[in-house]
Amino acid sequence: MIPARSSRDGATAMTLNTSAHPAQAPRFWRDECLPFIEARTIADGRKVTYTRHSHEHFSIGAITTGRSYYHYGAQTFEISAGTVVLMNPGDVHACNPIYDQPWSYHMLYLDTPWLTDLQYQLGFSTDQGYRPFNTPHTRDGVLYNGLIELYALLLDEQAELLQKQSALVSYFTEVQQRLNPSLTPVREVNHKLERAAEYIRAHCTEALKLEDICLAAELSPSYLIRAFKQYYGLTPHAFLVNRRIQFARTQLRNGALIADVALAAGFADQAHFQRTFKQHFAATPGQYRDLLKPSANNPHWPPATRPLSG
């Protein structure tokens, strides 16, 4: 069942204010009454670059101005204003500027269990769980305009919670019905590689050695390095760093200090953590954490959210 959390009528919008470079700085939004979704926007993406990465959640975004490169798996697309981009959980991707051309975007990050539940209610999913999309981007005007309207509604502090909940269900129902989950064959499971990934997940905050992963998965180093990237789209080390960043993000959302997070996540020092976090989120840990600090509109701290798994 789609969660209906209604402790209050109004939704609290939380945005990031930066005085130095307001156009280039990312702005984030979250609401404790809608803990399954997060939003962000970049008004000037010329200085924003991402390393290839993946998320545990479903992501969908709208390019609002300009053009950019969209790296999706082994493919690279040139996308422009009017484009909607979609990323399944686990899909390796990155969006980066084209030389010094301006571009801007809105992004929504949706918890996978919420979307999976909606898919099931619509008859798109079975006991297999989440069904991925095979459309990395689209120029569908209905979905683009709908996403712009949904983003504006989510940030509207005067809009009632029920209105936002209804709009979310309506929009993602439209996404399902217009794009439909993919019917691509299920990838053959490689249990040894999945054991390697599970070992990395379980020990992501530790100083892992290649031989430890190989021992856990019963694989040779050469096969692990080659096959792991083919299977997951990331090298074992990149997969490890990505998991550390996901862990760190959860800690920041729970109110932990940046220095403590850097240490707990397994980074050598805070500077390394800062650089790596920014490569994944185009924002510093401080910028990301500041949006969650208490304010007149957001007295709740730490935020009452369901943490990401892993």
Protein backbone atom coordinates (compact mmCIF):
# COMPACT_ATOMS: atom_id res chain seq x y z
CA MET A 1 0.00 0.00 0.00
CA ILE A 2 1.29 3.49 -0.81
CA PRO A 3 2.36 5.11 2.48
CA ALA A 4 0.05 7.88 3.68
CA ARG A 5 1.82 9.81 6.39
CA SER A 6 -0.33 12.67 7.59
CA SER A 7 0.86 14.12 10.84
CA ARG A 8 0.10 17.62 9.55
CA ASP A 9 -1.59 19.31 6.61
CA GLY A 10 1.20 21.48 5.29
CA ALA A 11 4.51 20.23 3.89
CA THR A 12 7.76 21.74 5.04
CA ALA A 13 10.05 22.61 2.15
CA MET A 14 13.74 22.67 2.95
CA THR A 15 16.11 24.38 0.55
CA LEU A 16 19.80 25.10 0.62
CA ASN A 17 20.85 28.74 0.59
CA THR A 18 24.40 29.58 -0.40
CA SER A 19 25.63 33.12 -0.61
CA ALA A 20 28.84 32.60 -2.57
CA HIS A 21 27.59 30.91 -5.75
CA PRO A 22 23.82 30.66 -5.49
CA ALA A 23 23.32 29.68 -9.14
CA GLN A 24 25.90 26.89 -9.10
CA ALA A 25 25.11 25.49 -5.67
CA PRO A 26 22.68 22.58 -5.48
CA ARG A 27 19.42 23.05 -3.64
CA PHE A 28 17.82 20.13 -1.85
CA TRP A 29 14.29 19.50 -0.60
CA ARG A 30 12.93 16.91 1.77
CA ASP A 31 9.83 16.63 3.93
CA GLU A 32 9.50 14.41 6.98
CA CYS A 33 5.89 13.67 5.98
CA LEU A 34 7.06 12.35 2.59
CA PRO A 35 10.14 10.41 3.67
CA PHE A 36 10.24 8.29 0.51
CA ILE A 37 11.18 11.15 -1.82
CA GLU A 38 13.94 13.74 -2.10
CA ALA A 39 14.38 16.54 -4.63
CA ARG A 40 17.28 18.67 -5.81
CA THR A 41 17.89 21.34 -8.43
CA ILE A 42 20.90 22.89 -10.14
CA ALA A 43 20.34 26.29 -11.75
CA ASP A 44 23.75 26.47 -13.45
CA GLY A 45 25.40 23.14 -14.15
CA ARG A 46 28.50 24.39 -15.95
CA LYS A 47 30.70 23.73 -12.92
CA VAL A 48 28.87 20.60 -11.82
CA THR A 49 30.50 17.29 -12.73
CA TYR A 50 29.75 13.79 -11.50
CA THR A 51 31.77 10.63 -11.47
CA ARG A 52 29.95 7.55 -12.74
CA HIS A 53 27.88 6.24 -9.87
CA SER A 54 24.63 4.48 -8.97
CA HIS A 55 21.85 4.83 -6.40
CA GLU A 56 19.74 2.43 -4.38
CA HIS A 57 16.66 4.45 -5.29
CA PHE A 58 14.83 5.27 -8.52
CA SER A 59 15.76 8.64 -10.03
CA ILE A 60 13.93 10.80 -12.53
CA GLY A 61 14.84 14.29 -13.69
CA ALA A 62 13.99 17.09 -16.10
CA ILE A 63 16.52 19.13 -18.06
CA THR A 64 15.08 22.64 -17.80
CA THR A 65 17.60 24.66 -19.84
CA GLY A 66 20.63 24.07 -22.04
CA ARG A 67 22.30 20.77 -22.97
CA SER A 68 24.46 18.17 -21.24
CA TYR A 69 26.04 14.76 -21.66
CA TYR A 70 24.17 11.86 -20.12
CA HIS A 71 26.34 8.79 -19.51
CA TYR A 72 24.18 5.73 -18.96
CA GLY A 73 25.92 2.39 -18.68
CA ALA A 74 28.18 2.11 -21.72
CA GLN A 75 26.18 4.71 -23.69
CA THR A 76 26.54 8.48 -23.87
CA PHE A 77 23.66 10.71 -24.97
CA GLU A 78 23.50 14.45 -25.61
CA ILE A 79 20.32 15.68 -23.96
CA SER A 80 18.69 19.10 -23.84
CA ALA A 81 15.86 21.11 -22.29
CA GLY A 82 12.61 19.20 -22.48
CA THR A 83 14.23 15.82 -21.79
CA VAL A 84 13.26 13.53 -18.93
CA VAL A 85 15.98 11.17 -17.69
CA LEU A 86 15.34 7.97 -15.74
CA MET A 87 17.73 5.80 -13.71
CA ASN A 88 16.79 2.43 -12.28
CA PRO A 89 18.25 1.49 -8.90
CA GLY A 90 21.79 0.26 -9.49
CA ASP A 91 22.14 1.77 -12.98
CA VAL A 92 25.56 3.38 -13.41
CA HIS A 93 25.20 6.90 -14.78
CA ALA A 94 26.46 10.50 -14.77
CA CYS A 95 25.28 13.82 -16.22
CA ASN A 96 27.97 16.37 -17.04
CA PRO A 97 28.24 19.70 -18.86
CA ILE A 98 29.21 20.03 -22.52
CA TYR A 99 32.31 22.21 -22.41
CA ASP A 100 31.14 25.48 -20.81
CA GLN A 101 27.54 25.41 -22.02
CA PRO A 102 24.94 26.30 -19.37
CA TRP A 103 22.34 23.76 -18.35
CA SER A 104 19.99 23.23 -15.44
CA TYR A 105 17.85 20.44 -14.09
CA HIS A 106 15.44 19.18 -11.43
CA MET A 107 15.82 15.68 -9.98
CA LEU A 108 13.55 13.49 -7.86
CA TYR A 109 14.89 10.49 -5.92
CA LEU A 110 12.22 7.95 -5.00
CA ASP A 111 12.62 5.07 -2.57
CA THR A 112 12.44 1.84 -4.56
CA PRO A 113 9.97 0.06 -2.20
CA TRP A 114 7.44 2.87 -2.70
CA LEU A 115 7.65 2.65 -6.48
CA THR A 116 7.63 -1.16 -6.41
CA ASP A 117 4.43 -1.07 -4.38
CA LEU A 118 2.84 1.30 -6.87
CA GLN A 119 3.89 -0.97 -9.75
CA TYR A 120 2.24 -3.89 -8.00
CA GLN A 121 -1.00 -1.96 -7.48
CA LEU A 122 -1.03 -1.06 -11.19
CA GLY A 123 -0.42 -4.64 -12.25
CA PHE A 124 3.05 -3.91 -13.64
CA SER A 125 4.95 -5.97 -11.11
CA THR A 126 4.73 -9.47 -9.64
CA ASP A 127 6.46 -11.30 -6.84
CA GLN A 128 9.74 -10.59 -8.64
CA GLY A 129 9.69 -7.12 -7.13
CA TYR A 130 10.74 -3.91 -8.82
CA ARG A 131 10.52 -4.00 -12.62
CA PRO A 132 13.11 -1.73 -14.27
CA PHE A 133 12.49 0.70 -17.11
CA ASN A 134 14.33 0.25 -20.40
CA THR A 135 13.99 3.96 -21.31
CA PRO A 136 16.99 5.97 -20.07
CA HIS A 137 15.53 9.23 -21.42
CA THR A 138 12.44 10.52 -23.20
CA ARG A 139 11.11 13.69 -24.85
CA ASP A 140 7.54 12.89 -23.79
CA GLY A 141 5.98 16.31 -23.24
CA VAL A 142 3.33 15.04 -20.84
CA LEU A 143 5.95 13.49 -18.55
CA TYR A 144 8.24 16.53 -18.80
CA ASN A 145 5.55 19.09 -17.99
CA GLY A 146 4.14 16.83 -15.32
CA LEU A 147 7.52 16.56 -13.62
CA ILE A 148 7.99 20.33 -13.66
CA GLU A 149 4.55 20.80 -12.10
CA LEU A 150 5.17 18.08 -9.50
CA TYR A 151 8.50 19.61 -8.50
CA ALA A 152 6.88 23.02 -8.01
CA LEU A 153 4.08 21.49 -5.95
CA LEU A 154 6.45 19.60 -3.67
CA LEU A 155 8.31 22.83 -2.86
CA ASP A 156 5.10 24.79 -2.28
CA GLU A 157 4.87 25.30 1.47
CA GLN A 158 1.21 26.26 1.18
CA ALA A 159 0.14 23.04 -0.53
CA GLU A 160 -1.55 20.45 1.66
CA LEU A 161 0.07 17.09 2.30
CA LEU A 162 -2.81 15.18 0.72
CA GLN A 163 -2.43 17.23 -2.47
CA LYS A 164 1.25 16.29 -2.68
CA GLN A 165 0.58 12.62 -1.96
CA SER A 166 -2.10 12.49 -4.63
CA ALA A 167 0.10 14.25 -7.17
CA LEU A 168 2.95 11.80 -6.55
CA VAL A 169 0.75 8.77 -7.11
CA SER A 170 -0.85 10.34 -10.19
CA TYR A 171 2.44 11.32 -11.79
CA PHE A 172 4.25 8.03 -11.27
CA THR A 173 1.16 6.18 -12.43
CA GLU A 174 1.45 8.22 -15.63
CA VAL A 175 5.13 7.32 -15.91
CA GLN A 176 4.29 3.62 -15.60
CA GLN A 177 1.48 3.72 -18.10
CA ARG A 178 3.34 5.76 -20.72
CA LEU A 179 6.74 4.08 -20.53
CA ASN A 180 5.93 0.67 -19.06
CA PRO A 181 8.58 -1.38 -17.29
CA SER A 182 10.97 -3.21 -19.57
CA LEU A 183 10.35 -6.74 -20.71
CA THR A 184 14.04 -7.49 -21.10
CA PRO A 185 15.08 -11.01 -20.13
CA VAL A 186 16.16 -11.50 -16.55
CA ARG A 187 19.95 -11.42 -16.33
CA GLU A 188 21.47 -14.77 -15.48
CA VAL A 189 22.46 -14.65 -11.85
CA ASN A 190 26.15 -15.00 -11.07
CA HIS A 191 26.08 -16.12 -7.46
CA LYS A 192 29.81 -15.75 -6.92
CA LEU A 193 29.84 -12.15 -8.14
CA GLU A 194 26.81 -11.42 -5.99
CA ARG A 195 28.65 -12.88 -3.01
CA ALA A 196 31.52 -10.51 -3.80
CA ALA A 197 29.13 -7.55 -3.91
CA GLU A 198 27.44 -8.63 -0.70
CA TYR A 199 30.83 -8.93 1.01
CA ILE A 200 31.69 -5.39 -0.10
CA ARG A 201 28.34 -4.09 1.15
CA ALA A 202 28.78 -5.76 4.53
CA HIS A 203 32.34 -4.50 4.98
CA CYS A 204 32.22 -1.21 3.06
CA THR A 205 33.47 0.87 5.99
CA GLU A 206 36.56 -1.30 6.44
CA ALA A 207 39.91 -1.23 4.63
CA LEU A 208 39.19 -4.11 2.25
CA LYS A 209 41.81 -6.08 0.38
CA LEU A 210 41.28 -7.70 -3.00
CA GLU A 211 42.23 -11.09 -1.64
CA ASP A 212 39.54 -10.82 1.04
CA ILE A 213 36.84 -10.25 -1.58
CA CYS A 214 38.20 -13.05 -3.75
CA LEU A 215 38.23 -15.44 -0.80
CA ALA A 216 34.63 -14.59 0.10
CA ALA A 217 33.47 -15.07 -3.50
CA GLU A 218 35.79 -17.98 -4.36
CA LEU A 219 37.05 -16.14 -7.45
CA SER A 220 40.48 -15.34 -8.84
CA PRO A 221 41.55 -11.67 -8.81
CA SER A 222 41.72 -11.41 -12.59
CA TYR A 223 38.23 -12.85 -13.10
CA LEU A 224 36.74 -10.76 -10.30
CA ILE A 225 38.08 -7.47 -11.67
CA ARG A 226 36.94 -8.20 -15.23
CA ALA A 227 33.59 -9.86 -14.55
CA PHE A 228 32.51 -7.61 -11.69
CA LYS A 229 32.55 -4.51 -13.89
CA GLN A 230 30.67 -6.30 -16.65
CA TYR A 231 28.04 -7.46 -14.16
CA TYR A 232 27.61 -4.30 -12.05
CA GLY A 233 28.96 -1.53 -14.28
CA LEU A 234 31.55 -0.55 -11.65
CA THR A 235 34.90 -1.93 -10.61
CA PRO A 236 34.99 -3.51 -7.14
CA HIS A 237 36.74 -0.40 -5.81
CA ALA A 238 34.24 2.00 -7.39
CA PHE A 239 31.44 -0.19 -5.99
CA LEU A 240 33.06 0.04 -2.55
CA VAL A 241 33.36 3.84 -2.72
CA ASN A 242 29.76 4.12 -3.90
CA ARG A 243 28.59 2.07 -0.92
CA ARG A 244 30.63 4.24 1.45
CA ILE A 245 28.98 7.35 0.05
CA GLN A 246 25.52 5.81 0.47
CA PHE A 247 26.44 4.94 4.06
CA ALA A 248 27.73 8.47 4.66
CA ARG A 249 24.57 10.01 3.21
CA THR A 250 22.45 8.07 5.70
CA GLN A 251 24.67 9.19 8.57
CA LEU A 252 24.41 12.84 7.49
CA ARG A 253 20.63 12.54 7.27
CA ASN A 254 20.65 11.23 10.83
CA GLY A 255 22.54 14.31 12.05
CA ALA A 256 26.07 12.94 12.47
CA LEU A 257 29.05 15.29 12.35
CA ILE A 258 30.96 15.38 9.08
CA ALA A 259 34.28 14.45 10.67
CA ASP A 260 32.65 11.48 12.41
CA VAL A 261 30.95 10.40 9.19
CA ALA A 262 34.22 10.50 7.26
CA LEU A 263 35.86 8.24 9.82
CA ALA A 264 32.90 5.89 10.19
CA ALA A 265 32.52 5.51 6.41
CA GLY A 266 36.11 4.33 6.03
CA PHE A 267 37.72 7.36 4.38
CA ALA A 268 41.36 8.14 5.11
CA ASP A 269 40.58 11.71 6.12
CA GLN A 270 37.87 14.34 5.95
CA ALA A 271 39.35 16.01 2.86
CA HIS A 272 39.18 12.75 0.90
CA PHE A 273 35.59 12.26 2.03
CA GLN A 274 34.66 15.81 1.01
CA ARG A 275 36.11 15.36 -2.50
CA THR A 276 34.50 11.97 -3.05
CA PHE A 277 31.09 13.02 -1.74
CA LYS A 278 31.07 16.02 -4.06
CA GLN A 279 31.96 13.79 -7.03
CA HIS A 280 28.84 11.73 -6.33
CA PHE A 281 26.39 14.47 -5.32
CA ALA A 282 27.82 17.69 -6.82
CA ALA A 283 27.55 19.10 -3.31
CA THR A 284 29.77 19.03 -0.26
CA PRO A 285 28.71 17.03 2.82
CA GLY A 286 28.21 20.35 4.60
CA GLN A 287 25.88 21.65 1.90
CA TYR A 288 23.89 18.43 1.97
CA ARG A 289 23.68 18.37 5.75
CA ASP A 290 22.76 22.04 6.10
CA LEU A 291 19.40 21.51 4.48
CA LEU A 292 18.46 19.31 7.44
CA LYS A 293 19.40 21.74 10.19
CA PRO A 294 16.63 23.11 12.40
CA SER A 295 14.92 26.24 11.17
CA ALA A 296 11.70 28.13 11.77
CA ASN A 297 10.01 25.94 9.19
CA ASN A 298 11.80 22.74 10.12
CA PRO A 299 12.08 22.26 13.89
CA HIS A 300 12.51 18.50 13.58
CA TRP A 301 16.07 17.28 13.95
CA PRO A 302 17.22 14.67 13.27
CA PRO A 303 14.72 14.11 10.46
CA ALA A 304 12.17 11.36 10.97
CA THR A 305 13.02 9.36 7.87
CA ARG A 306 13.48 5.76 6.96
CA PRO A 307 17.25 5.31 6.40
CA LEU A 308 18.52 3.82 3.19
CA SER A 309 19.48 0.18 3.41
CA GLY A 310 23.16 -0.63 3.34
